[in-house]
Amino acid sequence: MPVKNIQLLQENSPSILLDVIYRSKIKDIMATKLVTAPSTVTIKEAKSIMKEAEVTGIPIVEDNEIIGMISIDDVFRAIDGDYMDELVLNHMSTDVIVLEDDMPLAFGITYFEKFKYGRFPVIDKNRKLVGIITSRDILHELLFQLNHEVARLESEIRSDNDPDLTTLKEVFKIKKMDFANAGKASNEIKKLLKDRNFDPKFVRRVSVAAYELEINIAIHSDGGELEFFLDKKKAVIVARDSSPGIENVELALKQGFSTADNTIKSLGFGAGMGLPNVRRVSDEFNITSELGRGTIVQAVILIDSQEGS
């Protein structure tokens, strides 16, 4: 499927961005959780696989080697031609363009710019399928690396003044599906900490936890509150909602798992990274949930901790 040219390899691109691009490899960024199908499935079955995985194309494999690709465009053609019950083997694209996992990321970016595809299969030196890389994977990794670089630079230039460690407590009400105000509570918490000259690394960790918990309340509950407490040793963020609760807490803590519907995802939310991100930036993390009665999440970030960033 054609995608907008990401145009990252430009002479006027920031040097930090180019440094990340040229030192990374495809295997550092590609997704290794693969959705594939054998050549013996029908186009109708392939369509069901794509729908369940929420992807627009899947590799067709035999003995873990890619022999073709079938896309949503192929499915549309089959619907128009009334041959959905035929095997993908007879209708898949066999002229598949692949990347190798050991290739530099810069080389992969040129493929996206040249062919305008949304994803490429990735093979290893033995020609085995080992991953899939998308333009979104690349942009996500670059954003992650740039955030780390910004944190390093902020750490170098931050004020040497001791932060004002006055104890404070704030409570913010969060309404269900109130995306117009999404992020306001976490922004207010961030401002409180920055005004007191806290370490930018500490501020960022608290902000991430507050934002993810705030958005979770708005998306997954009927509303609730976000409580923020600060003393000389730590920041504590507690998110409370009244319903509906989490059916499987362990599953909800896995990266990428989400119960958000497509409408929420189309707004840029519900990627399944909320609770995992909160746990990642926290020194202490606790969650309790009961179906029908709601969820309580507590995140503790120590002021003098250098972990979890």
C-alpha atoms as a PDB file:
ATOM      1  CA  MET A   1       0.000   0.000   0.000  1.00  0.00           C
ATOM      2  CA  PRO A   2       1.503   3.377  -0.948  1.00  0.00           C
ATOM      3  CA  VAL A   3       2.588   5.603   1.907  1.00  0.00           C
ATOM      4  CA  LYS A   4       3.735   9.171   2.169  1.00  0.00           C
ATOM      5  CA  ASN A   5       7.448   9.586   1.529  1.00  0.00           C
ATOM      6  CA  ILE A   6       9.125   9.863   4.933  1.00  0.00           C
ATOM      7  CA  GLN A   7      12.081  11.822   3.495  1.00  0.00           C
ATOM      8  CA  LEU A   8      14.531  11.454   6.362  1.00  0.00           C
ATOM      9  CA  LEU A   9      17.819  11.339   4.472  1.00  0.00           C
ATOM     10  CA  GLN A  10      18.023  15.029   3.606  1.00  0.00           C
ATOM     11  CA  GLU A  11      21.062  17.304   3.811  1.00  0.00           C
ATOM     12  CA  ASN A  12      19.183  19.659   6.102  1.00  0.00           C
ATOM     13  CA  SER A  13      18.093  16.882   8.470  1.00  0.00           C
ATOM     14  CA  PRO A  14      19.298  17.411  12.071  1.00  0.00           C
ATOM     15  CA  SER A  15      22.691  15.794  12.707  1.00  0.00           C
ATOM     16  CA  ILE A  16      21.264  13.927  15.718  1.00  0.00           C
ATOM     17  CA  LEU A  17      18.635  12.346  13.475  1.00  0.00           C
ATOM     18  CA  LEU A  18      21.169  11.325  10.848  1.00  0.00           C
ATOM     19  CA  ASP A  19      23.439   9.843  13.513  1.00  0.00           C
ATOM     20  CA  VAL A  20      20.638   7.561  14.713  1.00  0.00           C
ATOM     21  CA  ILE A  21      19.784   6.549  11.153  1.00  0.00           C
ATOM     22  CA  TYR A  22      23.343   5.654  10.166  1.00  0.00           C
ATOM     23  CA  ARG A  23      24.279   3.748  13.326  1.00  0.00           C
ATOM     24  CA  SER A  24      21.105   1.617  13.484  1.00  0.00           C
ATOM     25  CA  LYS A  25      20.368  -1.584  11.620  1.00  0.00           C
ATOM     26  CA  ILE A  26      17.099  -3.047  10.345  1.00  0.00           C
ATOM     27  CA  LYS A  27      17.166  -5.769  13.010  1.00  0.00           C
ATOM     28  CA  ASP A  28      17.309  -3.130  15.763  1.00  0.00           C
ATOM     29  CA  ILE A  29      13.895  -1.799  14.774  1.00  0.00           C
ATOM     30  CA  MET A  30      11.927  -4.497  12.924  1.00  0.00           C
ATOM     31  CA  ALA A  31       8.982  -6.285  14.503  1.00  0.00           C
ATOM     32  CA  THR A  32       9.661  -9.962  15.097  1.00  0.00           C
ATOM     33  CA  LYS A  33       6.113 -10.972  15.999  1.00  0.00           C
ATOM     34  CA  LEU A  34       5.092 -12.157  12.551  1.00  0.00           C
ATOM     35  CA  VAL A  35       1.657 -12.681  11.038  1.00  0.00           C
ATOM     36  CA  THR A  36       2.031 -15.071   8.108  1.00  0.00           C
ATOM     37  CA  ALA A  37       0.043 -17.651   6.184  1.00  0.00           C
ATOM     38  CA  PRO A  38       0.860 -20.784   4.183  1.00  0.00           C
ATOM     39  CA  SER A  39       0.155 -20.979   0.461  1.00  0.00           C
ATOM     40  CA  THR A  40      -2.660 -23.465   1.117  1.00  0.00           C
ATOM     41  CA  VAL A  41      -5.057 -20.892   2.596  1.00  0.00           C
ATOM     42  CA  THR A  42      -7.787 -19.308   0.528  1.00  0.00           C
ATOM     43  CA  ILE A  43      -8.017 -15.592  -0.121  1.00  0.00           C
ATOM     44  CA  LYS A  44     -11.041 -15.503   2.183  1.00  0.00           C
ATOM     45  CA  GLU A  45      -8.983 -17.089   4.959  1.00  0.00           C
ATOM     46  CA  ALA A  46      -6.118 -14.660   4.323  1.00  0.00           C
ATOM     47  CA  LYS A  47      -8.598 -11.776   4.596  1.00  0.00           C
ATOM     48  CA  SER A  48      -9.701 -13.076   8.019  1.00  0.00           C
ATOM     49  CA  ILE A  49      -6.083 -13.319   9.174  1.00  0.00           C
ATOM     50  CA  MET A  50      -5.408  -9.724   8.098  1.00  0.00           C
ATOM     51  CA  LYS A  51      -8.586  -8.489   9.771  1.00  0.00           C
ATOM     52  CA  GLU A  52      -7.773 -10.189  13.074  1.00  0.00           C
ATOM     53  CA  ALA A  53      -4.176  -8.905  13.055  1.00  0.00           C
ATOM     54  CA  GLU A  54      -5.244  -5.439  11.830  1.00  0.00           C
ATOM     55  CA  VAL A  55      -2.708  -5.431   8.993  1.00  0.00           C
ATOM     56  CA  THR A  56      -3.080  -4.732   5.281  1.00  0.00           C
ATOM     57  CA  GLY A  57      -0.755  -7.427   3.984  1.00  0.00           C
ATOM     58  CA  ILE A  58       0.815 -10.717   5.060  1.00  0.00           C
ATOM     59  CA  PRO A  59       3.777 -12.795   3.833  1.00  0.00           C
ATOM     60  CA  ILE A  60       3.065 -16.239   2.433  1.00  0.00           C
ATOM     61  CA  VAL A  61       5.676 -18.674   3.718  1.00  0.00           C
ATOM     62  CA  GLU A  62       6.856 -22.251   3.284  1.00  0.00           C
ATOM     63  CA  ASP A  63       9.464 -23.689   5.679  1.00  0.00           C
ATOM     64  CA  ASN A  64       9.868 -20.185   7.109  1.00  0.00           C
ATOM     65  CA  GLU A  65      10.912 -18.850   3.714  1.00  0.00           C
ATOM     66  CA  ILE A  66       8.834 -16.139   2.074  1.00  0.00           C
ATOM     67  CA  ILE A  67       7.428 -17.134  -1.298  1.00  0.00           C
ATOM     68  CA  GLY A  68       4.978 -14.297  -1.802  1.00  0.00           C
ATOM     69  CA  MET A  69       2.812 -11.547  -0.375  1.00  0.00           C
ATOM     70  CA  ILE A  70      -0.922 -11.005  -0.382  1.00  0.00           C
ATOM     71  CA  SER A  71      -2.353  -7.586   0.308  1.00  0.00           C
ATOM     72  CA  ILE A  72      -5.712  -5.997   0.910  1.00  0.00           C
ATOM     73  CA  ASP A  73      -5.627  -4.862  -2.731  1.00  0.00           C
ATOM     74  CA  ASP A  74      -5.426  -8.521  -3.780  1.00  0.00           C
ATOM     75  CA  VAL A  75      -8.438  -9.232  -1.571  1.00  0.00           C
ATOM     76  CA  PHE A  76     -10.432  -6.413  -3.189  1.00  0.00           C
ATOM     77  CA  ARG A  77      -9.633  -7.792  -6.633  1.00  0.00           C
ATOM     78  CA  ALA A  78     -10.789 -11.246  -5.524  1.00  0.00           C
ATOM     79  CA  ILE A  79     -14.052  -9.815  -4.233  1.00  0.00           C
ATOM     80  CA  ASP A  80     -14.660  -8.008  -7.536  1.00  0.00           C
ATOM     81  CA  GLY A  81     -13.733 -11.137  -9.508  1.00  0.00           C
ATOM     82  CA  ASP A  82     -15.696 -13.490  -7.234  1.00  0.00           C
ATOM     83  CA  TYR A  83     -12.807 -15.866  -6.525  1.00  0.00           C
ATOM     84  CA  MET A  84     -12.401 -15.473  -2.736  1.00  0.00           C
ATOM     85  CA  ASP A  85     -12.385 -19.274  -2.284  1.00  0.00           C
ATOM     86  CA  GLU A  86      -9.334 -19.764  -4.485  1.00  0.00           C
ATOM     87  CA  LEU A  87      -5.878 -20.363  -2.978  1.00  0.00           C
ATOM     88  CA  VAL A  88      -3.569 -17.425  -2.339  1.00  0.00           C
ATOM     89  CA  LEU A  89      -0.880 -19.424  -4.154  1.00  0.00           C
ATOM     90  CA  ASN A  90      -2.522 -18.541  -7.463  1.00  0.00           C
ATOM     91  CA  HIS A  91      -3.001 -14.835  -6.757  1.00  0.00           C
ATOM     92  CA  MET A  92      -0.218 -13.677  -4.428  1.00  0.00           C
ATOM     93  CA  SER A  93       2.561 -11.357  -5.520  1.00  0.00           C
ATOM     94  CA  THR A  94       5.700 -13.424  -6.045  1.00  0.00           C
ATOM     95  CA  ASP A  95       8.017 -10.559  -6.966  1.00  0.00           C
ATOM     96  CA  VAL A  96       8.566  -9.666  -3.312  1.00  0.00           C
ATOM     97  CA  ILE A  97      11.000  -6.935  -2.316  1.00  0.00           C
ATOM     98  CA  VAL A  98      12.732  -7.784   0.963  1.00  0.00           C
ATOM     99  CA  LEU A  99      15.284  -6.270   3.300  1.00  0.00           C
ATOM    100  CA  GLU A 100      18.010  -8.129   5.192  1.00  0.00           C
ATOM    101  CA  ASP A 101      18.142  -7.829   8.967  1.00  0.00           C
ATOM    102  CA  ASP A 102      21.817  -6.800   8.987  1.00  0.00           C
ATOM    103  CA  MET A 103      21.320  -3.918   6.552  1.00  0.00           C
ATOM    104  CA  PRO A 104      21.817  -0.344   7.836  1.00  0.00           C
ATOM    105  CA  LEU A 105      18.598   1.488   8.622  1.00  0.00           C
ATOM    106  CA  ALA A 106      19.629   4.166   6.128  1.00  0.00           C
ATOM    107  CA  PHE A 107      19.443   1.565   3.358  1.00  0.00           C
ATOM    108  CA  GLY A 108      15.967   0.535   4.471  1.00  0.00           C
ATOM    109  CA  ILE A 109      14.746   4.130   4.417  1.00  0.00           C
ATOM    110  CA  THR A 110      15.773   4.432   0.781  1.00  0.00           C
ATOM    111  CA  TYR A 111      13.508   1.441   0.027  1.00  0.00           C
ATOM    112  CA  PHE A 112      10.525   3.208   1.595  1.00  0.00           C
ATOM    113  CA  GLU A 113      11.291   6.326  -0.431  1.00  0.00           C
ATOM    114  CA  LYS A 114      11.795   4.413  -3.675  1.00  0.00           C
ATOM    115  CA  PHE A 115       8.951   1.891  -3.633  1.00  0.00           C
ATOM    116  CA  LYS A 116       6.361   3.756  -1.531  1.00  0.00           C
ATOM    117  CA  TYR A 117       5.309   0.574   0.297  1.00  0.00           C
ATOM    118  CA  GLY A 118       4.062   0.602   3.881  1.00  0.00           C
ATOM    119  CA  ARG A 119       6.043  -2.457   5.011  1.00  0.00           C
ATOM    120  CA  PHE A 120       8.837  -4.781   3.925  1.00  0.00           C
ATOM    121  CA  PRO A 121       9.543  -8.395   4.946  1.00  0.00           C
ATOM    122  CA  VAL A 122      12.961  -8.882   6.558  1.00  0.00           C
ATOM    123  CA  ILE A 123      15.094 -11.982   6.012  1.00  0.00           C
ATOM    124  CA  ASP A 124      18.335 -13.198   7.565  1.00  0.00           C
ATOM    125  CA  LYS A 125      21.488 -14.353   5.787  1.00  0.00           C
ATOM    126  CA  ASN A 126      19.921 -17.818   5.353  1.00  0.00           C
ATOM    127  CA  ARG A 127      16.929 -16.278   3.533  1.00  0.00           C
ATOM    128  CA  LYS A 128      14.600 -17.104   6.424  1.00  0.00           C
ATOM    129  CA  LEU A 129      11.830 -14.648   7.258  1.00  0.00           C
ATOM    130  CA  VAL A 130      12.699 -13.047  10.610  1.00  0.00           C
ATOM    131  CA  GLY A 131      10.727  -9.808  10.760  1.00  0.00           C
ATOM    132  CA  ILE A 132       8.619  -7.044   9.271  1.00  0.00           C
ATOM    133  CA  ILE A 133       9.551  -3.364   9.235  1.00  0.00           C
ATOM    134  CA  THR A 134       7.140  -0.481   8.654  1.00  0.00           C
ATOM    135  CA  SER A 135       7.594   3.246   8.248  1.00  0.00           C
ATOM    136  CA  ARG A 136       5.850   3.616  11.602  1.00  0.00           C
ATOM    137  CA  ASP A 137       8.493   1.387  13.258  1.00  0.00           C
ATOM    138  CA  ILE A 138      11.207   3.691  11.938  1.00  0.00           C
ATOM    139  CA  LEU A 139       9.546   6.898  13.091  1.00  0.00           C
ATOM    140  CA  HIS A 140       8.816   5.403  16.534  1.00  0.00           C
ATOM    141  CA  GLU A 141      12.459   4.401  17.000  1.00  0.00           C
ATOM    142  CA  LEU A 142      13.732   7.791  15.873  1.00  0.00           C
ATOM    143  CA  LEU A 143      11.397   9.555  18.291  1.00  0.00           C
ATOM    144  CA  PHE A 144      12.566   7.267  21.113  1.00  0.00           C
ATOM    145  CA  GLN A 145      16.241   7.943  20.356  1.00  0.00           C
ATOM    146  CA  LEU A 146      15.700  11.688  19.996  1.00  0.00           C
ATOM    147  CA  ASN A 147      13.958  11.821  23.368  1.00  0.00           C
ATOM    148  CA  HIS A 148      17.016  10.203  24.936  1.00  0.00           C
ATOM    149  CA  GLU A 149      19.283  12.706  23.239  1.00  0.00           C
ATOM    150  CA  VAL A 150      17.139  15.606  24.420  1.00  0.00           C
ATOM    151  CA  ALA A 151      17.300  14.212  27.958  1.00  0.00           C
ATOM    152  CA  ARG A 152      21.091  14.086  27.770  1.00  0.00           C
ATOM    153  CA  LEU A 153      21.346  17.656  26.531  1.00  0.00           C
ATOM    154  CA  GLU A 154      18.913  18.927  29.159  1.00  0.00           C
ATOM    155  CA  SER A 155      20.940  17.169  31.829  1.00  0.00           C
ATOM    156  CA  GLU A 156      24.071  19.013  30.702  1.00  0.00           C
ATOM    157  CA  ILE A 157      22.518  22.470  30.744  1.00  0.00           C
ATOM    158  CA  ARG A 158      20.097  22.207  33.662  1.00  0.00           C
ATOM    159  CA  SER A 159      20.408  24.580  36.581  1.00  0.00           C
ATOM    160  CA  ASP A 160      22.564  23.609  39.525  1.00  0.00           C
ATOM    161  CA  ASN A 161      20.050  25.157  41.919  1.00  0.00           C
ATOM    162  CA  ASP A 162      18.483  22.775  44.413  1.00  0.00           C
ATOM    163  CA  PRO A 163      14.829  22.091  43.658  1.00  0.00           C
ATOM    164  CA  ASP A 164      12.151  23.489  45.898  1.00  0.00           C
ATOM    165  CA  LEU A 165      11.052  20.378  47.754  1.00  0.00           C
ATOM    166  CA  THR A 166       7.904  21.771  49.319  1.00  0.00           C
ATOM    167  CA  THR A 167       5.380  19.001  49.843  1.00  0.00           C
ATOM    168  CA  LEU A 168       2.307  19.360  47.678  1.00  0.00           C
ATOM    169  CA  LYS A 169      -0.793  17.422  46.649  1.00  0.00           C
ATOM    170  CA  GLU A 170      -3.059  17.892  43.650  1.00  0.00           C
ATOM    171  CA  VAL A 171      -6.153  15.988  42.518  1.00  0.00           C
ATOM    172  CA  PHE A 172      -7.416  16.119  38.916  1.00  0.00           C
ATOM    173  CA  LYS A 173     -10.821  14.908  37.721  1.00  0.00           C
ATOM    174  CA  ILE A 174     -10.711  12.945  34.450  1.00  0.00           C
ATOM    175  CA  LYS A 175     -13.841  12.510  32.332  1.00  0.00           C
ATOM    176  CA  LYS A 176     -14.644   9.600  30.065  1.00  0.00           C
ATOM    177  CA  MET A 177     -13.637  10.130  26.404  1.00  0.00           C
ATOM    178  CA  ASP A 178     -12.731  13.771  27.095  1.00  0.00           C
ATOM    179  CA  PHE A 179      -9.964  13.975  24.508  1.00  0.00           C
ATOM    180  CA  ALA A 180     -10.261  17.750  24.236  1.00  0.00           C
ATOM    181  CA  ASN A 181      -8.699  17.963  27.700  1.00  0.00           C
ATOM    182  CA  ALA A 182      -6.514  14.865  27.447  1.00  0.00           C
ATOM    183  CA  GLY A 183      -3.055  15.628  28.784  1.00  0.00           C
ATOM    184  CA  LYS A 184      -3.970  18.739  30.777  1.00  0.00           C
ATOM    185  CA  ALA A 185      -3.469  17.088  34.169  1.00  0.00           C
ATOM    186  CA  SER A 186      -0.056  15.679  33.225  1.00  0.00           C
ATOM    187  CA  ASN A 187       0.957  19.035  31.735  1.00  0.00           C
ATOM    188  CA  GLU A 188       0.027  20.774  34.980  1.00  0.00           C
ATOM    189  CA  ILE A 189       2.091  18.265  36.962  1.00  0.00           C
ATOM    190  CA  LYS A 190       5.020  18.763  34.594  1.00  0.00           C
ATOM    191  CA  LYS A 191       4.795  22.539  35.034  1.00  0.00           C
ATOM    192  CA  LEU A 192       4.732  22.214  38.842  1.00  0.00           C
ATOM    193  CA  LEU A 193       7.955  20.218  38.754  1.00  0.00           C
ATOM    194  CA  LYS A 194       9.731  22.387  36.179  1.00  0.00           C
ATOM    195  CA  ASP A 195       8.867  25.522  38.146  1.00  0.00           C
ATOM    196  CA  ARG A 196      10.636  23.937  41.128  1.00  0.00           C
ATOM    197  CA  ASN A 197      13.772  23.210  39.066  1.00  0.00           C
ATOM    198  CA  PHE A 198      13.653  19.431  39.327  1.00  0.00           C
ATOM    199  CA  ASP A 199      16.018  17.331  37.236  1.00  0.00           C
ATOM    200  CA  PRO A 200      14.553  17.104  33.680  1.00  0.00           C
ATOM    201  CA  LYS A 201      15.020  13.332  33.775  1.00  0.00           C
ATOM    202  CA  PHE A 202      12.850  13.096  36.895  1.00  0.00           C
ATOM    203  CA  VAL A 203      10.283  15.486  35.410  1.00  0.00           C
ATOM    204  CA  ARG A 204      10.067  13.414  32.245  1.00  0.00           C
ATOM    205  CA  ARG A 205       9.483  10.153  34.104  1.00  0.00           C
ATOM    206  CA  VAL A 206       6.740  11.675  36.237  1.00  0.00           C
ATOM    207  CA  SER A 207       5.153  13.272  33.167  1.00  0.00           C
ATOM    208  CA  VAL A 208       5.117   9.984  31.253  1.00  0.00           C
ATOM    209  CA  ALA A 209       3.467   8.139  34.142  1.00  0.00           C
ATOM    210  CA  ALA A 210       0.898  10.891  34.699  1.00  0.00           C
ATOM    211  CA  TYR A 211       0.024  11.189  31.011  1.00  0.00           C
ATOM    212  CA  GLU A 212      -0.395   7.450  30.407  1.00  0.00           C
ATOM    213  CA  LEU A 213      -2.559   7.027  33.503  1.00  0.00           C
ATOM    214  CA  GLU A 214      -4.642  10.075  32.598  1.00  0.00           C
ATOM    215  CA  ILE A 215      -5.283   8.786  29.076  1.00  0.00           C
ATOM    216  CA  ASN A 216      -6.077   5.302  30.374  1.00  0.00           C
ATOM    217  CA  ILE A 217      -8.827   6.707  32.602  1.00  0.00           C
ATOM    218  CA  ALA A 218     -10.315   8.654  29.690  1.00  0.00           C
ATOM    219  CA  ILE A 219     -10.222   5.708  27.279  1.00  0.00           C
ATOM    220  CA  HIS A 220     -10.898   2.612  29.362  1.00  0.00           C
ATOM    221  CA  SER A 221     -13.158   3.751  32.199  1.00  0.00           C
ATOM    222  CA  ASP A 222     -16.244   5.772  32.986  1.00  0.00           C
ATOM    223  CA  GLY A 223     -14.051   8.518  34.424  1.00  0.00           C
ATOM    224  CA  GLY A 224     -12.060   8.952  37.600  1.00  0.00           C
ATOM    225  CA  GLU A 225      -9.333  11.000  39.207  1.00  0.00           C
ATOM    226  CA  LEU A 226      -5.575  11.405  39.107  1.00  0.00           C
ATOM    227  CA  GLU A 227      -3.919  12.225  42.427  1.00  0.00           C
ATOM    228  CA  PHE A 228      -0.399  13.646  42.539  1.00  0.00           C
ATOM    229  CA  PHE A 229       1.689  13.824  45.723  1.00  0.00           C
ATOM    230  CA  LEU A 230       5.229  15.144  46.114  1.00  0.00           C
ATOM    231  CA  ASP A 231       7.573  15.223  49.096  1.00  0.00           C
ATOM    232  CA  LYS A 232      11.342  15.432  49.564  1.00  0.00           C
ATOM    233  CA  LYS A 233      11.956  11.839  48.482  1.00  0.00           C
ATOM    234  CA  LYS A 234       9.445  10.933  45.822  1.00  0.00           C
ATOM    235  CA  ALA A 235       6.529  11.685  43.561  1.00  0.00           C
ATOM    236  CA  VAL A 236       3.461   9.475  43.836  1.00  0.00           C
ATOM    237  CA  ILE A 237       0.762   9.293  41.170  1.00  0.00           C
ATOM    238  CA  VAL A 238      -2.447   7.418  41.897  1.00  0.00           C
ATOM    239  CA  ALA A 239      -5.075   6.820  39.215  1.00  0.00           C
ATOM    240  CA  ARG A 240      -8.543   5.744  40.361  1.00  0.00           C
ATOM    241  CA  ASP A 241     -11.620   4.904  38.318  1.00  0.00           C
ATOM    242  CA  SER A 242     -14.935   3.373  39.289  1.00  0.00           C
ATOM    243  CA  SER A 243     -15.540   0.970  36.421  1.00  0.00           C
ATOM    244  CA  PRO A 244     -15.456  -1.315  34.510  1.00  0.00           C
ATOM    245  CA  GLY A 245     -12.187  -2.853  35.796  1.00  0.00           C
ATOM    246  CA  ILE A 246      -9.551  -4.965  34.037  1.00  0.00           C
ATOM    247  CA  GLU A 247     -10.379  -8.578  33.237  1.00  0.00           C
ATOM    248  CA  ASN A 248      -6.755  -9.749  32.965  1.00  0.00           C
ATOM    249  CA  VAL A 249      -4.210  -7.476  34.661  1.00  0.00           C
ATOM    250  CA  GLU A 250      -1.209  -9.559  33.604  1.00  0.00           C
ATOM    251  CA  LEU A 251      -2.231  -9.346  29.953  1.00  0.00           C
ATOM    252  CA  ALA A 252      -2.929  -5.605  30.237  1.00  0.00           C
ATOM    253  CA  LEU A 253       0.689  -5.076  31.338  1.00  0.00           C
ATOM    254  CA  LYS A 254       2.080  -6.593  28.147  1.00  0.00           C
ATOM    255  CA  GLN A 255       3.340  -4.169  25.492  1.00  0.00           C
ATOM    256  CA  GLY A 256       0.992  -3.867  22.547  1.00  0.00           C
ATOM    257  CA  PHE A 257      -2.064  -5.379  24.218  1.00  0.00           C
ATOM    258  CA  SER A 258      -5.077  -3.107  23.963  1.00  0.00           C
ATOM    259  CA  THR A 259      -8.845  -3.331  24.292  1.00  0.00           C
ATOM    260  CA  ALA A 260      -9.354   0.029  22.576  1.00  0.00           C
ATOM    261  CA  ASP A 261     -11.603  -0.049  19.509  1.00  0.00           C
ATOM    262  CA  ASN A 262     -10.620   1.201  16.056  1.00  0.00           C
ATOM    263  CA  THR A 263     -12.242   4.579  16.658  1.00  0.00           C
ATOM    264  CA  ILE A 264      -9.933   5.223  19.619  1.00  0.00           C
ATOM    265  CA  LYS A 265      -6.910   3.970  17.689  1.00  0.00           C
ATOM    266  CA  SER A 266      -7.728   6.259  14.763  1.00  0.00           C
ATOM    267  CA  LEU A 267      -7.358   9.186  17.180  1.00  0.00           C
ATOM    268  CA  GLY A 268      -3.820   8.111  18.038  1.00  0.00           C
ATOM    269  CA  PHE A 269      -4.646   6.450  21.359  1.00  0.00           C
ATOM    270  CA  GLY A 270      -4.965   2.861  22.557  1.00  0.00           C
ATOM    271  CA  ALA A 271      -1.680   1.438  21.243  1.00  0.00           C
ATOM    272  CA  GLY A 272      -1.312  -0.850  24.246  1.00  0.00           C
ATOM    273  CA  MET A 273       1.724   0.946  25.688  1.00  0.00           C
ATOM    274  CA  GLY A 274       0.079   2.858  28.546  1.00  0.00           C
ATOM    275  CA  LEU A 275       0.482   0.609  31.582  1.00  0.00           C
ATOM    276  CA  PRO A 276       3.799  -0.891  30.347  1.00  0.00           C
ATOM    277  CA  ASN A 277       5.184   2.649  29.987  1.00  0.00           C
ATOM    278  CA  VAL A 278       4.037   3.577  33.499  1.00  0.00           C
ATOM    279  CA  ARG A 279       5.703   0.502  34.970  1.00  0.00           C
ATOM    280  CA  ARG A 280       8.881   1.180  32.959  1.00  0.00           C
ATOM    281  CA  VAL A 281       9.389   4.694  34.354  1.00  0.00           C
ATOM    282  CA  SER A 282       8.375   3.848  37.929  1.00  0.00           C
ATOM    283  CA  ASP A 283      10.575   2.776  40.831  1.00  0.00           C
ATOM    284  CA  GLU A 284       7.526   1.224  42.460  1.00  0.00           C
ATOM    285  CA  PHE A 285       4.409   0.141  40.602  1.00  0.00           C
ATOM    286  CA  ASN A 286       1.193  -1.354  41.941  1.00  0.00           C
ATOM    287  CA  ILE A 287      -2.141  -2.124  40.325  1.00  0.00           C
ATOM    288  CA  THR A 288      -5.361  -3.580  41.685  1.00  0.00           C
ATOM    289  CA  SER A 289      -8.516  -4.072  39.652  1.00  0.00           C
ATOM    290  CA  GLU A 290     -11.908  -5.656  40.136  1.00  0.00           C
ATOM    291  CA  LEU A 291     -14.489  -6.133  37.414  1.00  0.00           C
ATOM    292  CA  GLY A 292     -17.409  -3.791  37.901  1.00  0.00           C
ATOM    293  CA  ARG A 293     -15.654  -1.838  40.630  1.00  0.00           C
ATOM    294  CA  GLY A 294     -12.734  -0.221  38.889  1.00  0.00           C
ATOM    295  CA  THR A 295      -8.964   0.019  38.969  1.00  0.00           C
ATOM    296  CA  ILE A 296      -6.356   1.695  41.147  1.00  0.00           C
ATOM    297  CA  VAL A 297      -2.821   2.206  39.821  1.00  0.00           C
ATOM    298  CA  GLN A 298      -0.011   3.662  41.921  1.00  0.00           C
ATOM    299  CA  ALA A 299       3.307   4.804  40.435  1.00  0.00           C
ATOM    300  CA  VAL A 300       6.187   5.967  42.641  1.00  0.00           C
ATOM    301  CA  ILE A 301       9.184   7.801  41.171  1.00  0.00           C
ATOM    302  CA  LEU A 302      12.085   8.482  43.530  1.00  0.00           C
ATOM    303  CA  ILE A 303      13.715  11.893  43.237  1.00  0.00           C
ATOM    304  CA  ASP A 304      17.275  10.619  43.466  1.00  0.00           C
ATOM    305  CA  SER A 305      16.731   7.499  41.304  1.00  0.00           C
ATOM    306  CA  GLN A 306      18.513   7.137  37.961  1.00  0.00           C
ATOM    307  CA  GLU A 307      16.607   3.998  36.973  1.00  0.00           C
ATOM    308  CA  GLY A 308      13.557   3.528  34.790  1.00  0.00           C
ATOM    309  CA  SER A 309      14.211   6.360  32.340  1.00  0.00           C
END
